[in-house]
N, C-alpha and C. Protein backbone atom coordinates (compact mmCIF):
# COMPACT_ATOMS: atom_id res chain seq x y z
N UNK A 1 110.66 116.67 103.03
CA UNK A 1 110.30 115.63 103.86
C UNK A 1 111.54 114.77 103.81
N UNK A 2 111.95 114.27 105.02
CA UNK A 2 113.09 113.41 105.04
C UNK A 2 112.73 112.12 105.91
N UNK A 3 113.44 111.08 105.75
CA UNK A 3 113.23 109.87 106.44
C UNK A 3 114.44 109.10 106.51
N UNK A 4 114.57 108.30 107.56
CA UNK A 4 115.77 107.39 107.58
C UNK A 4 115.83 106.57 106.36
N UNK A 5 117.03 106.17 106.05
CA UNK A 5 117.21 105.34 104.74
C UNK A 5 116.45 104.13 104.63
N UNK A 6 116.24 103.50 105.82
CA UNK A 6 115.64 102.10 105.83
C UNK A 6 114.09 102.12 105.97
N UNK A 7 113.56 103.40 105.85
CA UNK A 7 112.12 103.58 105.93
C UNK A 7 111.54 103.87 104.56
N UNK A 8 110.78 102.93 104.02
CA UNK A 8 110.30 103.28 102.69
C UNK A 8 109.11 104.30 102.79
N UNK A 9 109.14 105.19 101.88
CA UNK A 9 107.99 106.18 101.70
C UNK A 9 107.56 106.13 100.30
N UNK A 10 106.34 105.68 100.19
CA UNK A 10 105.60 105.41 98.90
C UNK A 10 104.83 106.55 98.50
N UNK A 11 104.19 107.29 99.50
CA UNK A 11 103.40 108.36 99.33
C UNK A 11 103.33 109.40 100.37
N UNK A 12 102.83 110.59 99.91
CA UNK A 12 102.73 111.71 100.97
C UNK A 12 101.28 112.17 100.81
N UNK A 13 100.50 112.21 101.79
CA UNK A 13 99.07 112.54 101.63
C UNK A 13 98.83 113.84 102.53
N UNK A 14 98.10 114.60 101.85
CA UNK A 14 97.86 115.94 102.36
C UNK A 14 96.25 115.82 102.74
N UNK A 15 95.96 116.01 104.12
CA UNK A 15 94.72 115.78 104.61
C UNK A 15 94.11 117.24 105.08
N UNK A 16 92.98 117.53 104.49
CA UNK A 16 92.33 118.81 104.88
C UNK A 16 90.88 118.53 105.52
N UNK A 17 90.80 119.00 106.76
CA UNK A 17 89.55 118.77 107.45
C UNK A 17 89.14 117.38 107.42
N UNK A 18 90.06 116.45 107.64
CA UNK A 18 89.83 115.15 107.74
C UNK A 18 89.71 114.17 106.43
N UNK A 19 89.99 114.84 105.35
CA UNK A 19 89.84 114.09 104.10
C UNK A 19 91.17 114.31 103.27
N UNK A 20 91.58 113.10 102.71
CA UNK A 20 92.80 113.24 101.80
C UNK A 20 92.40 113.93 100.54
N UNK A 21 92.99 115.11 100.32
CA UNK A 21 92.71 115.98 99.26
C UNK A 21 93.77 115.81 98.14
N UNK A 22 94.93 115.33 98.39
CA UNK A 22 95.91 115.09 97.46
C UNK A 22 96.98 114.08 97.97
N UNK A 23 97.30 113.19 97.10
CA UNK A 23 98.39 112.25 97.25
C UNK A 23 99.52 112.38 96.36
N UNK A 24 100.73 112.43 96.87
CA UNK A 24 101.91 112.50 96.13
C UNK A 24 102.46 111.10 96.13
N UNK A 25 102.81 110.57 94.97
CA UNK A 25 103.25 109.11 94.95
C UNK A 25 104.75 109.07 94.52
N UNK A 26 105.34 107.98 94.85
CA UNK A 26 106.84 107.71 94.45
C UNK A 26 106.88 107.53 92.90
N UNK A 27 105.71 107.14 92.35
CA UNK A 27 105.79 106.74 90.98
C UNK A 27 105.69 108.13 90.02
N UNK A 28 105.13 109.04 90.74
CA UNK A 28 104.98 110.24 89.74
C UNK A 28 105.24 111.72 90.36
N UNK A 29 105.61 111.76 91.46
CA UNK A 29 105.72 113.05 92.14
C UNK A 29 107.08 113.28 92.73
N UNK A 30 108.17 112.70 92.24
CA UNK A 30 109.57 113.02 92.72
C UNK A 30 109.80 112.65 94.18
N UNK A 31 109.13 111.62 94.76
CA UNK A 31 109.54 111.10 95.97
C UNK A 31 110.68 110.15 95.84
N UNK A 32 111.86 110.40 96.33
CA UNK A 32 112.95 109.51 96.05
C UNK A 32 113.18 108.65 97.10
N UNK A 33 114.01 107.57 96.82
CA UNK A 33 114.37 106.47 97.64
C UNK A 33 115.84 106.34 97.72
N UNK A 34 116.46 106.15 98.84
CA UNK A 34 117.83 106.02 98.88
C UNK A 34 118.34 104.68 98.32
N UNK A 35 119.48 104.59 97.59
CA UNK A 35 119.95 103.35 97.08
C UNK A 35 120.57 102.37 98.23
N UNK A 36 120.99 102.98 99.21
CA UNK A 36 121.55 102.16 100.28
C UNK A 36 120.62 102.29 101.67
N UNK A 37 120.13 101.37 102.07
CA UNK A 37 119.24 101.42 103.26
C UNK A 37 119.95 101.81 104.62
N UNK A 38 121.33 101.69 104.51
CA UNK A 38 122.03 102.12 105.65
C UNK A 38 123.09 103.27 105.45
N UNK A 39 122.95 103.96 104.31
CA UNK A 39 123.70 105.02 103.90
C UNK A 39 123.26 106.22 104.49
N UNK A 40 123.97 107.34 104.06
CA UNK A 40 123.72 108.65 104.63
C UNK A 40 123.18 109.65 103.49
N UNK A 41 123.09 109.11 102.20
CA UNK A 41 122.73 110.04 101.13
C UNK A 41 121.31 109.58 100.99
N UNK A 42 120.38 110.62 100.47
CA UNK A 42 118.97 110.45 100.05
C UNK A 42 118.05 110.35 101.12
N UNK A 43 118.42 111.15 102.18
CA UNK A 43 117.48 111.18 103.36
C UNK A 43 116.43 112.07 103.01
N UNK A 44 116.60 113.16 102.19
CA UNK A 44 115.50 113.98 101.62
C UNK A 44 114.70 113.20 100.68
N UNK A 45 113.45 112.95 100.99
CA UNK A 45 112.62 112.26 99.96
C UNK A 45 111.80 113.11 99.08
N UNK A 46 111.46 114.15 99.62
CA UNK A 46 110.73 115.13 98.73
C UNK A 46 110.97 116.57 99.15
N UNK A 47 111.26 117.43 98.12
CA UNK A 47 111.48 118.74 98.39
C UNK A 47 110.69 119.56 97.17
N UNK A 48 109.69 120.27 97.58
CA UNK A 48 108.98 121.00 96.79
C UNK A 48 107.95 121.86 97.54
N UNK A 49 107.07 122.56 96.74
CA UNK A 49 106.03 123.28 97.30
C UNK A 49 104.72 122.95 96.58
N UNK A 50 103.66 123.06 97.35
CA UNK A 50 102.30 122.83 96.90
C UNK A 50 101.39 124.03 97.12
N UNK A 51 100.72 124.43 96.26
CA UNK A 51 99.73 125.60 96.35
C UNK A 51 98.61 125.16 97.23
N UNK A 52 98.36 125.73 98.24
CA UNK A 52 97.12 125.30 99.07
C UNK A 52 95.85 125.81 98.55
N UNK A 53 95.84 126.88 97.77
CA UNK A 53 94.51 127.47 97.20
C UNK A 53 93.76 126.36 96.55
N UNK A 54 94.38 125.43 95.86
CA UNK A 54 93.67 124.36 95.15
C UNK A 54 93.14 123.24 96.07
N UNK A 55 93.72 123.17 97.40
CA UNK A 55 93.49 122.07 98.23
C UNK A 55 92.44 122.48 99.41
N UNK A 56 92.41 123.77 99.69
CA UNK A 56 91.43 124.13 100.71
C UNK A 56 90.13 124.44 100.29
N UNK A 57 89.21 124.42 101.24
CA UNK A 57 87.76 124.75 100.81
C UNK A 57 87.57 126.18 100.36
N UNK A 58 86.71 126.48 99.55
CA UNK A 58 86.45 127.92 99.04
C UNK A 58 86.40 128.90 100.19
N UNK A 59 85.88 128.51 101.37
CA UNK A 59 85.57 129.60 102.41
C UNK A 59 85.71 128.79 103.67
N UNK A 60 85.89 129.65 104.82
CA UNK A 60 85.88 129.03 106.14
C UNK A 60 87.38 128.61 106.59
N UNK A 61 87.48 128.52 107.82
CA UNK A 61 88.76 128.05 108.51
C UNK A 61 88.93 126.59 108.03
N UNK A 62 90.24 126.14 108.21
CA UNK A 62 90.46 124.73 107.84
C UNK A 62 91.71 124.18 108.71
N UNK A 63 91.81 122.92 108.86
CA UNK A 63 93.03 122.44 109.43
C UNK A 63 93.57 121.43 108.40
N UNK A 64 94.98 121.24 108.58
CA UNK A 64 95.67 120.43 107.51
C UNK A 64 96.78 119.63 108.21
N UNK A 65 96.86 118.42 107.81
CA UNK A 65 97.95 117.39 108.37
C UNK A 65 98.49 116.83 107.13
N UNK A 66 99.84 116.65 107.13
CA UNK A 66 100.52 115.90 106.17
C UNK A 66 100.99 114.46 106.73
N UNK A 67 100.71 113.43 105.99
CA UNK A 67 101.10 112.16 106.30
C UNK A 67 102.03 111.62 105.29
N UNK A 68 102.99 110.71 105.67
CA UNK A 68 104.01 110.18 104.80
C UNK A 68 104.23 108.76 105.22
N UNK A 69 104.46 107.79 104.30
CA UNK A 69 104.78 106.46 104.49
C UNK A 69 104.32 105.48 103.41
N UNK A 70 104.08 104.20 103.76
CA UNK A 70 103.76 103.37 102.56
C UNK A 70 102.40 103.65 102.32
N UNK A 71 101.92 103.24 101.12
CA UNK A 71 100.45 103.37 100.70
C UNK A 71 99.56 102.60 101.76
N UNK A 72 98.40 103.29 102.07
CA UNK A 72 97.51 102.72 103.05
C UNK A 72 96.79 101.46 102.30
N UNK A 73 96.89 100.38 102.96
CA UNK A 73 96.24 99.14 102.30
C UNK A 73 94.69 99.39 102.33
N UNK A 74 94.09 98.85 101.16
CA UNK A 74 92.67 99.01 101.17
C UNK A 74 91.91 98.13 102.14
N UNK A 75 90.87 98.70 102.69
CA UNK A 75 89.98 97.98 103.65
C UNK A 75 88.61 98.61 103.50
N UNK A 76 87.68 98.06 104.10
CA UNK A 76 86.29 98.47 104.10
C UNK A 76 85.55 98.06 105.30
N UNK A 77 84.39 98.84 105.62
CA UNK A 77 83.54 98.50 106.61
C UNK A 77 82.29 97.82 105.84
N UNK A 78 82.18 96.46 105.95
CA UNK A 78 81.16 95.77 105.27
C UNK A 78 79.87 95.68 106.05
N UNK A 79 79.83 96.33 107.30
CA UNK A 79 78.61 96.17 107.96
C UNK A 79 78.37 94.83 108.80
N UNK A 80 79.51 94.18 109.16
CA UNK A 80 79.34 92.97 109.60
C UNK A 80 79.26 92.94 111.16
N UNK A 81 79.17 94.14 111.96
CA UNK A 81 79.11 94.18 113.32
C UNK A 81 77.96 93.43 113.84
N UNK A 82 77.80 93.47 115.28
CA UNK A 82 76.79 92.81 115.89
C UNK A 82 75.28 93.03 115.48
N UNK A 83 75.11 94.31 115.02
CA UNK A 83 73.75 94.57 114.36
C UNK A 83 73.76 94.69 112.96
N UNK A 84 74.87 94.19 112.24
CA UNK A 84 74.99 94.29 110.93
C UNK A 84 75.05 95.64 110.32
N UNK A 85 75.46 96.59 111.08
CA UNK A 85 75.50 98.02 110.70
C UNK A 85 76.93 98.33 110.15
N UNK A 86 76.88 99.43 109.35
CA UNK A 86 78.18 99.97 109.04
C UNK A 86 78.57 101.17 109.97
N UNK A 87 79.60 100.97 110.71
CA UNK A 87 79.88 101.93 111.77
C UNK A 87 81.17 102.79 111.42
N UNK A 88 81.55 102.76 110.06
CA UNK A 88 82.72 103.53 109.74
C UNK A 88 84.05 103.05 110.07
N UNK A 89 84.07 101.95 110.86
CA UNK A 89 85.34 101.50 111.22
C UNK A 89 85.74 100.13 110.32
N UNK A 90 86.85 100.21 109.54
CA UNK A 90 87.19 99.17 108.65
C UNK A 90 87.20 97.74 109.46
N UNK A 91 86.67 96.80 108.96
CA UNK A 91 86.63 95.51 109.53
C UNK A 91 87.16 94.30 108.65
N UNK A 92 87.48 94.68 107.37
CA UNK A 92 87.99 93.71 106.42
C UNK A 92 88.96 94.25 105.56
N UNK A 93 90.20 93.61 105.17
CA UNK A 93 91.04 94.03 104.09
C UNK A 93 91.01 93.11 102.93
N UNK A 94 91.64 93.40 101.95
CA UNK A 94 91.57 92.67 100.64
C UNK A 94 92.35 91.39 100.89
N UNK A 95 91.71 90.43 101.49
CA UNK A 95 92.46 89.18 102.04
C UNK A 95 92.70 88.20 100.81
N UNK A 96 91.85 88.23 99.74
CA UNK A 96 92.10 87.37 98.68
C UNK A 96 93.03 87.98 97.52
N UNK A 97 93.41 89.19 97.74
CA UNK A 97 94.33 89.85 96.86
C UNK A 97 93.80 90.19 95.50
N UNK A 98 92.35 90.33 95.32
CA UNK A 98 91.91 90.61 93.92
C UNK A 98 91.61 92.15 93.81
N UNK A 99 92.20 92.90 94.80
CA UNK A 99 92.06 94.43 94.60
C UNK A 99 90.71 95.05 94.97
N UNK A 100 89.77 94.17 95.46
CA UNK A 100 88.48 94.56 95.92
C UNK A 100 88.19 94.11 97.27
N UNK A 101 87.62 94.90 98.16
CA UNK A 101 87.22 94.45 99.51
C UNK A 101 85.71 94.08 99.46
N UNK A 102 85.39 92.90 99.64
CA UNK A 102 83.94 92.52 99.58
C UNK A 102 83.84 91.22 100.56
N UNK A 103 82.61 90.59 100.48
CA UNK A 103 82.39 89.54 101.36
C UNK A 103 83.25 88.31 100.96
N UNK A 104 83.87 88.33 99.78
CA UNK A 104 84.73 87.16 99.40
C UNK A 104 86.03 87.25 100.29
N UNK A 105 86.33 88.34 100.91
CA UNK A 105 87.51 88.49 101.81
C UNK A 105 87.24 88.03 103.24
N UNK A 106 85.98 87.63 103.55
CA UNK A 106 85.60 87.19 104.88
C UNK A 106 85.61 85.65 104.84
N UNK A 107 86.22 85.03 105.91
CA UNK A 107 86.03 83.71 105.98
C UNK A 107 84.74 83.13 106.29
N UNK A 108 84.34 82.06 105.54
CA UNK A 108 83.02 81.46 105.58
C UNK A 108 82.63 81.32 107.12
N UNK A 109 81.41 81.72 107.36
CA UNK A 109 80.87 81.65 108.67
C UNK A 109 81.11 82.85 109.51
N UNK A 110 82.10 83.72 109.17
CA UNK A 110 82.32 84.91 109.96
C UNK A 110 81.55 86.06 109.22
N UNK A 111 81.29 87.09 110.06
CA UNK A 111 80.64 88.29 109.46
C UNK A 111 81.57 89.41 109.11
N UNK A 112 82.74 89.34 109.77
CA UNK A 112 83.88 90.47 109.41
C UNK A 112 85.19 89.91 109.38
N UNK A 113 86.09 90.68 108.90
CA UNK A 113 87.48 90.49 109.06
C UNK A 113 88.09 89.23 108.35
N UNK A 114 89.40 89.13 108.49
CA UNK A 114 90.24 89.90 109.38
C UNK A 114 90.91 91.08 108.59
N UNK A 115 91.51 91.97 109.34
CA UNK A 115 92.36 92.96 108.74
C UNK A 115 93.73 92.34 108.87
N UNK A 116 94.25 91.78 107.73
CA UNK A 116 95.50 91.09 107.62
C UNK A 116 96.67 92.03 107.67
N UNK A 117 97.73 91.69 108.33
CA UNK A 117 98.94 92.40 108.19
C UNK A 117 99.85 91.83 107.18
N UNK A 118 100.81 92.56 106.57
CA UNK A 118 101.60 91.85 105.58
C UNK A 118 102.59 90.96 106.09
N UNK A 119 102.86 89.99 105.31
CA UNK A 119 103.95 89.02 105.67
C UNK A 119 105.33 89.79 105.82
N UNK A 120 106.12 89.38 106.64
CA UNK A 120 107.55 89.88 106.72
C UNK A 120 108.28 89.55 105.47
N UNK A 121 108.76 90.59 104.76
CA UNK A 121 109.50 90.30 103.49
C UNK A 121 110.63 89.51 103.71
N UNK A 122 110.94 88.49 102.85
CA UNK A 122 112.14 87.63 102.97
C UNK A 122 113.16 88.06 101.93
N UNK A 123 112.77 88.89 101.05
CA UNK A 123 113.80 89.36 99.93
C UNK A 123 114.43 90.85 100.33
N UNK A 124 115.69 90.88 100.62
CA UNK A 124 116.26 92.07 101.01
C UNK A 124 116.16 93.11 100.09
N UNK A 125 115.69 92.96 98.83
CA UNK A 125 115.46 94.06 97.94
C UNK A 125 114.11 94.67 98.03
N UNK A 126 113.26 94.06 98.88
CA UNK A 126 111.94 94.53 99.08
C UNK A 126 112.09 95.79 99.98
N UNK A 127 111.60 96.97 99.65
CA UNK A 127 111.73 98.16 100.33
C UNK A 127 111.27 98.07 101.85
N UNK A 128 110.36 97.10 102.18
CA UNK A 128 109.89 96.94 103.57
C UNK A 128 110.75 95.92 104.42
N UNK A 129 111.85 95.39 103.75
CA UNK A 129 112.49 94.40 104.39
C UNK A 129 113.12 94.72 105.74
N UNK A 130 113.88 95.87 105.71
CA UNK A 130 114.55 96.22 106.91
C UNK A 130 113.62 96.82 107.96
N UNK A 131 112.63 97.52 107.45
CA UNK A 131 111.69 98.18 108.51
C UNK A 131 110.88 96.95 109.14
N UNK A 132 110.47 95.97 108.35
CA UNK A 132 109.72 94.85 108.84
C UNK A 132 110.35 93.94 109.85
N UNK A 133 111.72 93.95 109.73
CA UNK A 133 112.53 93.22 110.68
C UNK A 133 112.84 94.01 112.00
N UNK A 134 112.59 95.33 111.99
CA UNK A 134 112.57 96.07 113.21
C UNK A 134 111.28 96.08 113.81
N UNK A 135 110.23 96.45 113.06
CA UNK A 135 108.90 96.48 113.57
C UNK A 135 108.09 95.46 112.71
N UNK A 136 107.92 94.19 113.15
CA UNK A 136 107.20 93.25 112.32
C UNK A 136 105.61 93.65 112.34
N UNK A 137 105.05 93.49 111.25
CA UNK A 137 103.59 93.64 111.13
C UNK A 137 103.10 95.10 110.99
N UNK A 138 103.99 95.99 110.93
CA UNK A 138 103.67 97.36 110.90
C UNK A 138 103.93 98.00 109.52
N UNK A 139 103.38 99.27 109.42
CA UNK A 139 103.63 99.98 108.22
C UNK A 139 104.30 101.23 108.55
N UNK A 140 105.42 101.71 107.76
CA UNK A 140 105.85 103.06 108.08
C UNK A 140 104.90 104.13 107.87
N UNK A 141 104.75 105.01 108.95
CA UNK A 141 103.80 106.15 108.91
C UNK A 141 104.21 107.23 109.74
N UNK A 142 104.16 108.55 109.16
CA UNK A 142 104.53 109.60 109.99
C UNK A 142 103.62 110.74 109.65
N UNK A 143 103.28 111.70 110.59
CA UNK A 143 102.38 112.70 110.24
C UNK A 143 102.85 114.04 111.08
N UNK A 144 102.43 115.09 110.53
CA UNK A 144 102.56 116.43 111.26
C UNK A 144 101.51 116.73 112.21
N UNK A 145 101.84 117.59 113.16
CA UNK A 145 100.67 118.11 113.91
C UNK A 145 99.82 118.87 113.03
N UNK A 146 98.53 119.08 113.42
CA UNK A 146 97.59 119.90 112.60
C UNK A 146 98.18 121.41 112.31
N UNK A 147 97.95 121.86 111.21
CA UNK A 147 98.26 123.26 110.81
C UNK A 147 96.75 123.86 110.94
N UNK A 148 96.56 124.77 111.82
CA UNK A 148 95.20 125.38 111.95
C UNK A 148 95.27 126.78 111.21
N UNK A 149 94.36 126.89 110.22
CA UNK A 149 94.40 127.97 109.25
C UNK A 149 93.12 128.93 109.59
N UNK A 150 93.41 130.17 110.04
CA UNK A 150 92.42 131.12 110.20
C UNK A 150 92.06 131.88 108.86
N UNK A 151 91.45 131.29 108.11
CA UNK A 151 91.21 131.76 106.62
C UNK A 151 90.28 133.01 106.58
N UNK A 152 89.41 133.13 107.53
CA UNK A 152 88.52 134.25 107.51
C UNK A 152 89.14 135.48 108.27
N UNK A 153 90.25 135.31 108.84
CA UNK A 153 90.97 136.39 109.44
C UNK A 153 90.37 136.98 110.62
N UNK A 154 89.50 136.31 111.39
CA UNK A 154 88.91 136.84 112.53
C UNK A 154 89.66 136.75 113.94
N UNK A 155 90.83 136.17 113.77
CA UNK A 155 91.70 136.04 114.93
C UNK A 155 91.37 134.83 115.72
N UNK A 156 90.59 133.93 115.34
CA UNK A 156 90.33 132.60 115.97
C UNK A 156 89.91 131.63 114.91
N UNK A 157 90.01 130.24 115.45
CA UNK A 157 89.83 129.12 114.59
C UNK A 157 88.47 128.76 114.84
N UNK A 158 87.61 128.81 113.71
CA UNK A 158 86.23 128.31 113.67
C UNK A 158 86.37 126.97 113.06
N UNK A 159 86.24 125.79 113.81
CA UNK A 159 86.43 124.63 113.16
C UNK A 159 85.32 124.40 112.14
N UNK A 160 85.75 123.64 111.04
CA UNK A 160 84.69 123.22 110.10
C UNK A 160 83.86 122.06 110.66
N UNK A 161 82.63 122.07 110.33
CA UNK A 161 81.64 121.05 110.86
C UNK A 161 81.47 119.86 109.89
N UNK A 162 81.41 118.71 110.25
CA UNK A 162 81.21 117.64 109.40
C UNK A 162 79.72 117.64 108.88
N UNK A 163 79.56 117.33 107.65
CA UNK A 163 78.27 117.21 107.05
C UNK A 163 77.88 115.78 107.04
N UNK A 164 78.56 114.84 107.56
CA UNK A 164 78.20 113.36 107.43
C UNK A 164 77.36 112.97 108.56
């Protein structure tokens, strides 16, 4: 996996059938960062192989996507919509910075939100500094097209069905 030197890559996520099944992190899985955000060395951030047998379901076809970028900020669906239902769409982030997404993150009198974006870093040593000045309020994120795996060998893709 490679990236421009000014793009921070904190983690690589392997998604199988819509669920993250493995996360490689910069702290423990040899994801490298270039020393110069405008240099030409260190563009390859991860080089390795991963056994799919441990990540795929025991049987049936599967699809796989690989994502890379900064760690996804925590958020939650607290059920604060018009009917106070949980609809699966995140509506609040960890706004008070305590590491938990709960009603304490919602402004008094509101039922949801907000999903706060990070402030633009002012310290040039922050890995997001250069990226945030090109694309303010965004997070670096890239993904592959889906790999469709005909694991039962019948010559066609039989999509897995969600049990939710």
